[in-house]
């Protein structure tokens, strides 16, 4: 792979990682702004079980 291709691959990787990080941050922010009573607790949160 020549330097031009390596640079392009690196830019593509960085761009993909940045988009993933932005999506994760947006999801975390959304969850933090939810009403705490809507989040559930323990297994209910992970498995959708009602207490």
N, C-alpha and C. Protein backbone atom coordinates (compact mmCIF):
# COMPACT_ATOMS: atom_id res chain seq x y z
N UNK A 1 0.85 -1.17 0.00
CA UNK A 1 0.00 0.00 0.00
C UNK A 1 0.89 1.23 0.00
N UNK A 2 0.61 2.18 -0.92
CA UNK A 2 1.44 3.38 -0.93
C UNK A 2 0.98 4.37 0.14
N UNK A 3 1.75 5.42 0.34
CA UNK A 3 1.45 6.39 1.40
C UNK A 3 0.09 7.06 1.21
N UNK A 4 -0.31 7.27 -0.02
CA UNK A 4 -1.62 7.89 -0.29
C UNK A 4 -2.76 7.01 0.17
N UNK A 5 -2.65 5.72 -0.11
CA UNK A 5 -3.69 4.77 0.31
C UNK A 5 -3.69 4.60 1.83
N UNK A 6 -2.52 4.58 2.43
CA UNK A 6 -2.43 4.43 3.88
C UNK A 6 -3.05 5.64 4.57
N UNK A 7 -2.80 6.83 4.05
CA UNK A 7 -3.38 8.04 4.61
C UNK A 7 -4.89 8.04 4.49
N UNK A 8 -5.39 7.58 3.35
CA UNK A 8 -6.83 7.51 3.14
C UNK A 8 -7.47 6.50 4.09
N UNK A 9 -6.83 5.34 4.26
CA UNK A 9 -7.35 4.33 5.19
C UNK A 9 -7.38 4.86 6.61
N UNK A 10 -6.33 5.58 7.00
CA UNK A 10 -6.27 6.15 8.34
C UNK A 10 -7.37 7.19 8.54
N UNK A 11 -7.59 8.03 7.54
CA UNK A 11 -8.66 9.04 7.63
C UNK A 11 -10.03 8.39 7.72
N UNK A 12 -10.23 7.32 6.97
CA UNK A 12 -11.50 6.60 6.99
C UNK A 12 -11.73 5.97 8.37
N UNK A 13 -10.69 5.38 8.93
CA UNK A 13 -10.79 4.77 10.25
C UNK A 13 -11.10 5.83 11.31
N UNK A 14 -10.40 6.92 11.27
CA UNK A 14 -10.62 8.00 12.24
C UNK A 14 -12.04 8.53 12.11
N UNK A 15 -12.50 8.72 10.89
CA UNK A 15 -13.85 9.22 10.66
C UNK A 15 -14.90 8.24 11.20
N UNK A 16 -14.69 6.96 10.96
CA UNK A 16 -15.62 5.93 11.45
C UNK A 16 -15.64 5.89 12.97
N UNK A 17 -14.47 5.95 13.58
CA UNK A 17 -14.38 5.94 15.05
C UNK A 17 -15.04 7.18 15.65
N UNK A 18 -14.84 8.32 15.01
CA UNK A 18 -15.44 9.56 15.50
C UNK A 18 -16.96 9.49 15.44
N UNK A 19 -17.49 8.96 14.35
CA UNK A 19 -18.95 8.84 14.22
C UNK A 19 -19.50 7.90 15.28
N UNK A 20 -18.79 6.80 15.55
CA UNK A 20 -19.22 5.86 16.58
C UNK A 20 -19.20 6.49 17.96
N UNK A 21 -18.16 7.27 18.24
CA UNK A 21 -18.05 7.95 19.53
C UNK A 21 -19.16 8.98 19.69
N UNK A 22 -19.48 9.69 18.63
CA UNK A 22 -20.55 10.68 18.68
C UNK A 22 -21.90 10.00 18.92
N UNK A 23 -22.12 8.86 18.29
CA UNK A 23 -23.38 8.13 18.49
C UNK A 23 -23.48 7.62 19.92
N UNK A 24 -22.38 7.12 20.47
CA UNK A 24 -22.39 6.63 21.85
C UNK A 24 -22.63 7.79 22.83
N UNK A 25 -22.03 8.93 22.57
CA UNK A 25 -22.22 10.09 23.42
C UNK A 25 -23.66 10.59 23.36
N UNK A 26 -24.24 10.59 22.17
CA UNK A 26 -25.63 11.02 22.03
C UNK A 26 -26.58 10.07 22.77
N UNK A 27 -26.32 8.78 22.71
CA UNK A 27 -27.14 7.81 23.43
C UNK A 27 -27.01 8.01 24.94
N UNK A 28 -25.79 8.19 25.42
CA UNK A 28 -25.56 8.42 26.85
C UNK A 28 -26.27 9.69 27.31
N UNK A 29 -26.18 10.74 26.53
CA UNK A 29 -26.84 12.00 26.87
C UNK A 29 -28.35 11.82 26.91
N UNK A 30 -28.88 11.09 25.95
CA UNK A 30 -30.32 10.81 25.92
C UNK A 30 -30.75 10.07 27.19
N UNK A 31 -29.98 9.06 27.57
CA UNK A 31 -30.32 8.27 28.76
C UNK A 31 -30.24 9.11 30.03
N UNK A 32 -29.26 10.00 30.10
CA UNK A 32 -29.12 10.85 31.27
C UNK A 32 -30.26 11.85 31.40
N UNK A 33 -30.87 12.22 30.29
CA UNK A 33 -31.95 13.19 30.33
C UNK A 33 -33.33 12.55 30.46
N UNK A 34 -33.38 11.22 30.53
CA UNK A 34 -34.65 10.52 30.74
C UNK A 34 -35.11 10.70 32.17
N UNK A 35 -36.40 10.57 32.38
CA UNK A 35 -36.95 10.56 33.73
C UNK A 35 -36.43 9.29 34.40
N UNK A 36 -35.77 9.42 35.57
CA UNK A 36 -35.20 8.24 36.23
C UNK A 36 -36.21 7.12 36.48
N UNK A 37 -37.47 7.45 36.66
CA UNK A 37 -38.49 6.42 36.89
C UNK A 37 -38.76 5.60 35.63
N UNK A 38 -38.42 6.13 34.48
CA UNK A 38 -38.63 5.40 33.22
C UNK A 38 -37.48 4.46 32.90
N UNK A 39 -36.38 4.54 33.64
CA UNK A 39 -35.19 3.73 33.36
C UNK A 39 -35.29 2.30 33.88
N UNK A 40 -36.04 2.08 34.94
CA UNK A 40 -36.11 0.75 35.52
C UNK A 40 -34.89 0.49 36.39
N UNK A 41 -34.87 -0.67 37.04
CA UNK A 41 -33.75 -1.00 37.91
C UNK A 41 -33.32 -2.44 37.66
N UNK A 42 -32.05 -2.71 37.92
CA UNK A 42 -31.50 -4.06 37.88
C UNK A 42 -31.84 -4.83 36.62
N UNK A 43 -32.28 -6.07 36.80
CA UNK A 43 -32.55 -6.96 35.66
C UNK A 43 -33.66 -6.41 34.77
N UNK A 44 -34.60 -5.72 35.37
CA UNK A 44 -35.69 -5.15 34.57
C UNK A 44 -35.12 -4.27 33.46
N UNK A 45 -34.09 -3.52 33.79
CA UNK A 45 -33.49 -2.63 32.81
C UNK A 45 -32.88 -3.42 31.66
N UNK A 46 -32.24 -4.54 31.96
CA UNK A 46 -31.54 -5.30 30.94
C UNK A 46 -32.41 -6.32 30.23
N UNK A 47 -33.36 -6.91 30.93
CA UNK A 47 -34.13 -8.00 30.34
C UNK A 47 -35.59 -7.66 30.12
N UNK A 48 -36.01 -6.45 30.47
CA UNK A 48 -37.39 -6.04 30.25
C UNK A 48 -38.37 -6.70 31.20
N UNK A 49 -37.90 -7.18 32.34
CA UNK A 49 -38.78 -7.83 33.30
C UNK A 49 -39.41 -6.82 34.22
N UNK A 50 -40.64 -7.05 34.56
CA UNK A 50 -41.36 -6.22 35.52
C UNK A 50 -41.16 -6.79 36.91
N UNK A 51 -41.03 -5.93 37.92
CA UNK A 51 -40.87 -6.40 39.31
C UNK A 51 -42.22 -6.74 39.88
